[in-house]
Amino acid sequence: QVQLVESGGGLVQPGGSLTLSCAASGFILDDYAIGWFRQAPGKQREGVSCINSGDSTFVKGRFTISRDNAKNAVYLQMNSLKPEDTAVYYCAASTDRCSSTWWADYWGQGTQVTVSS
């Protein structure tokens, strides 16, 4: 059973940093592209970053994605956070390679990130 569990969200001040983690289980991480999406209230879910099994990445914006196949984990390093980055962040997985139209087959439950002073 494929499972993706996000952690690391919270409240941070503008200009601050957060690192989100995604713990994967039930599948071989290296066989999948893993990405992060976010959804703000009243807005559509949008892709933030994606990383292929060969570590090539597709990044939209200021964040850095990385993966550790040995730990079955993927990370999203977010720096210089802005209030408009406030959203629920989702970890996602797909056998399709990352692209501008990448979408996922599997989703985590999400973790809330709030950027506010």
C-alpha atoms as a PDB file:
ATOM      1  CA  GLN A   1       0.000   0.000   0.000  1.00  0.00           C
ATOM      2  CA  VAL A   2       1.510   3.285  -1.108  1.00  0.00           C
ATOM      3  CA  GLN A   3       1.718   5.845   1.683  1.00  0.00           C
ATOM      4  CA  LEU A   4       3.102   9.356   1.721  1.00  0.00           C
ATOM      5  CA  VAL A   5       3.252  11.224   5.016  1.00  0.00           C
ATOM      6  CA  GLU A   6       4.256  14.871   5.166  1.00  0.00           C
ATOM      7  CA  SER A   7       5.717  16.646   8.157  1.00  0.00           C
ATOM      8  CA  GLY A   8       7.511  19.876   9.000  1.00  0.00           C
ATOM      9  CA  GLY A   9       4.784  22.422   8.355  1.00  0.00           C
ATOM     10  CA  GLY A  10       3.951  25.209  10.767  1.00  0.00           C
ATOM     11  CA  LEU A  11       3.868  28.914  11.352  1.00  0.00           C
ATOM     12  CA  VAL A  12       6.847  30.962  10.175  1.00  0.00           C
ATOM     13  CA  GLN A  13       7.513  34.656   9.811  1.00  0.00           C
ATOM     14  CA  PRO A  14       8.026  36.270   6.411  1.00  0.00           C
ATOM     15  CA  GLY A  15      11.590  35.775   5.290  1.00  0.00           C
ATOM     16  CA  GLY A  16      11.923  32.616   7.343  1.00  0.00           C
ATOM     17  CA  SER A  17      12.628  29.045   6.294  1.00  0.00           C
ATOM     18  CA  LEU A  18      11.024  25.648   6.647  1.00  0.00           C
ATOM     19  CA  THR A  19      11.953  22.188   5.514  1.00  0.00           C
ATOM     20  CA  LEU A  20       9.134  19.819   4.698  1.00  0.00           C
ATOM     21  CA  SER A  21       9.674  16.081   4.772  1.00  0.00           C
ATOM     22  CA  CYS A  22       7.792  13.324   3.013  1.00  0.00           C
ATOM     23  CA  ALA A  23       8.124   9.788   4.318  1.00  0.00           C
ATOM     24  CA  ALA A  24       7.275   7.187   1.689  1.00  0.00           C
ATOM     25  CA  SER A  25       6.334   3.559   2.223  1.00  0.00           C
ATOM     26  CA  GLY A  26       4.809   0.679   0.310  1.00  0.00           C
ATOM     27  CA  PHE A  27       6.793   1.224  -2.866  1.00  0.00           C
ATOM     28  CA  ILE A  28      10.340   1.595  -4.129  1.00  0.00           C
ATOM     29  CA  LEU A  29      11.019   5.314  -4.003  1.00  0.00           C
ATOM     30  CA  ASP A  30      13.617   5.182  -6.746  1.00  0.00           C
ATOM     31  CA  ASP A  31      10.989   3.927  -9.218  1.00  0.00           C
ATOM     32  CA  TYR A  32       8.939   7.099  -8.880  1.00  0.00           C
ATOM     33  CA  ALA A  33       9.086  10.789  -9.504  1.00  0.00           C
ATOM     34  CA  ILE A  34       8.150  12.630  -6.318  1.00  0.00           C
ATOM     35  CA  GLY A  35       6.752  16.100  -6.195  1.00  0.00           C
ATOM     36  CA  TRP A  36       5.311  18.769  -3.964  1.00  0.00           C
ATOM     37  CA  PHE A  37       2.069  20.590  -4.640  1.00  0.00           C
ATOM     38  CA  ARG A  38       0.329  23.273  -2.657  1.00  0.00           C
ATOM     39  CA  GLN A  39      -3.199  24.534  -2.349  1.00  0.00           C
ATOM     40  CA  ALA A  40      -4.159  27.858  -0.826  1.00  0.00           C
ATOM     41  CA  PRO A  41      -7.729  28.591   0.291  1.00  0.00           C
ATOM     42  CA  GLY A  42      -9.953  29.266  -2.684  1.00  0.00           C
ATOM     43  CA  LYS A  43      -7.251  28.381  -5.203  1.00  0.00           C
ATOM     44  CA  GLN A  44      -6.436  25.394  -7.341  1.00  0.00           C
ATOM     45  CA  ARG A  45      -3.746  22.954  -6.381  1.00  0.00           C
ATOM     46  CA  GLU A  46      -0.483  23.848  -8.092  1.00  0.00           C
ATOM     47  CA  GLY A  47       2.822  22.099  -8.562  1.00  0.00           C
ATOM     48  CA  VAL A  48       5.816  23.468  -6.686  1.00  0.00           C
ATOM     49  CA  SER A  49       8.650  21.101  -7.370  1.00  0.00           C
ATOM     50  CA  CYS A  50       9.335  17.627  -8.669  1.00  0.00           C
ATOM     51  CA  ILE A  51      12.316  15.285  -8.671  1.00  0.00           C
ATOM     52  CA  ASN A  52      12.931  12.274 -10.897  1.00  0.00           C
ATOM     53  CA  SER A  53      14.537   9.029  -9.859  1.00  0.00           C
ATOM     54  CA  GLY A  54      17.782  10.175 -11.476  1.00  0.00           C
ATOM     55  CA  ASP A  55      17.692  13.337  -9.342  1.00  0.00           C
ATOM     56  CA  SER A  56      16.905  15.671 -12.193  1.00  0.00           C
ATOM     57  CA  THR A  57      14.435  18.232 -10.975  1.00  0.00           C
ATOM     58  CA  PHE A  58      11.656  20.451 -12.209  1.00  0.00           C
ATOM     59  CA  VAL A  59      11.304  23.449  -9.968  1.00  0.00           C
ATOM     60  CA  LYS A  60       8.808  26.250 -10.049  1.00  0.00           C
ATOM     61  CA  GLY A  61       9.914  29.040  -7.830  1.00  0.00           C
ATOM     62  CA  ARG A  62      12.330  29.503  -4.959  1.00  0.00           C
ATOM     63  CA  PHE A  63      12.268  26.113  -3.293  1.00  0.00           C
ATOM     64  CA  THR A  64      14.742  23.237  -3.381  1.00  0.00           C
ATOM     65  CA  ILE A  65      13.690  19.604  -3.597  1.00  0.00           C
ATOM     66  CA  SER A  66      15.885  16.652  -2.715  1.00  0.00           C
ATOM     67  CA  ARG A  67      15.461  12.944  -2.098  1.00  0.00           C
ATOM     68  CA  ASP A  68      17.136  10.253  -0.039  1.00  0.00           C
ATOM     69  CA  ASN A  69      16.202   6.874  -1.482  1.00  0.00           C
ATOM     70  CA  ALA A  70      17.966   5.041   1.337  1.00  0.00           C
ATOM     71  CA  LYS A  71      15.662   6.732   3.838  1.00  0.00           C
ATOM     72  CA  ASN A  72      12.608   6.637   1.569  1.00  0.00           C
ATOM     73  CA  ALA A  73      12.270  10.365   2.043  1.00  0.00           C
ATOM     74  CA  VAL A  74      11.886  13.507  -0.010  1.00  0.00           C
ATOM     75  CA  TYR A  75      12.434  17.028   1.258  1.00  0.00           C
ATOM     76  CA  LEU A  76      11.379  20.527   0.276  1.00  0.00           C
ATOM     77  CA  GLN A  77      13.615  23.306   1.514  1.00  0.00           C
ATOM     78  CA  MET A  78      11.739  26.591   1.533  1.00  0.00           C
ATOM     79  CA  ASN A  79      13.650  29.808   2.058  1.00  0.00           C
ATOM     80  CA  SER A  80      12.660  33.467   1.978  1.00  0.00           C
ATOM     81  CA  LEU A  81       9.063  32.565   2.648  1.00  0.00           C
ATOM     82  CA  LYS A  82       6.329  35.035   1.805  1.00  0.00           C
ATOM     83  CA  PRO A  83       2.721  35.304   3.011  1.00  0.00           C
ATOM     84  CA  GLU A  84       1.585  34.140  -0.434  1.00  0.00           C
ATOM     85  CA  ASP A  85       3.366  30.840   0.215  1.00  0.00           C
ATOM     86  CA  THR A  86       0.713  30.061   2.810  1.00  0.00           C
ATOM     87  CA  ALA A  87      -1.010  26.841   1.766  1.00  0.00           C
ATOM     88  CA  VAL A  88      -1.432  23.173   2.467  1.00  0.00           C
ATOM     89  CA  TYR A  89       1.570  21.383   0.969  1.00  0.00           C
ATOM     90  CA  TYR A  90       1.152  17.900  -0.442  1.00  0.00           C
ATOM     91  CA  CYS A  91       3.708  15.260  -1.259  1.00  0.00           C
ATOM     92  CA  ALA A  92       2.865  13.221  -4.349  1.00  0.00           C
ATOM     93  CA  ALA A  93       4.242  10.345  -6.405  1.00  0.00           C
ATOM     94  CA  SER A  94       3.948   9.140  -9.967  1.00  0.00           C
ATOM     95  CA  THR A  95       5.733   6.803 -12.346  1.00  0.00           C
ATOM     96  CA  ASP A  96       5.619   9.611 -14.937  1.00  0.00           C
ATOM     97  CA  ARG A  97       8.689  11.803 -15.182  1.00  0.00           C
ATOM     98  CA  CYS A  98       8.540  15.378 -13.985  1.00  0.00           C
ATOM     99  CA  SER A  99       7.311  18.004 -16.425  1.00  0.00           C
ATOM    100  CA  SER A 100       5.396  21.254 -16.476  1.00  0.00           C
ATOM    101  CA  THR A 101       2.159  19.271 -16.655  1.00  0.00           C
ATOM    102  CA  TRP A 102       3.141  16.594 -14.142  1.00  0.00           C
ATOM    103  CA  TRP A 103       0.363  15.177 -12.029  1.00  0.00           C
ATOM    104  CA  ALA A 104       0.443  12.446  -9.396  1.00  0.00           C
ATOM    105  CA  ASP A 105      -1.020   8.989  -8.864  1.00  0.00           C
ATOM    106  CA  TYR A 106      -0.554   9.028  -5.104  1.00  0.00           C
ATOM    107  CA  TRP A 107      -0.985  11.805  -2.561  1.00  0.00           C
ATOM    108  CA  GLY A 108      -0.222  12.484   1.058  1.00  0.00           C
ATOM    109  CA  GLN A 109      -2.675  14.126   3.433  1.00  0.00           C
ATOM    110  CA  GLY A 110      -0.889  17.462   3.409  1.00  0.00           C
ATOM    111  CA  THR A 111       0.817  19.711   5.920  1.00  0.00           C
ATOM    112  CA  GLN A 112      -0.160  23.305   6.634  1.00  0.00           C
ATOM    113  CA  VAL A 113       2.386  26.078   6.083  1.00  0.00           C
ATOM    114  CA  THR A 114       1.435  29.520   7.319  1.00  0.00           C
ATOM    115  CA  VAL A 115       3.651  32.531   6.669  1.00  0.00           C
ATOM    116  CA  SER A 116       2.623  35.426   8.848  1.00  0.00           C
ATOM    117  CA  SER A 117       4.045  37.985  11.210  1.00  0.00           C
END
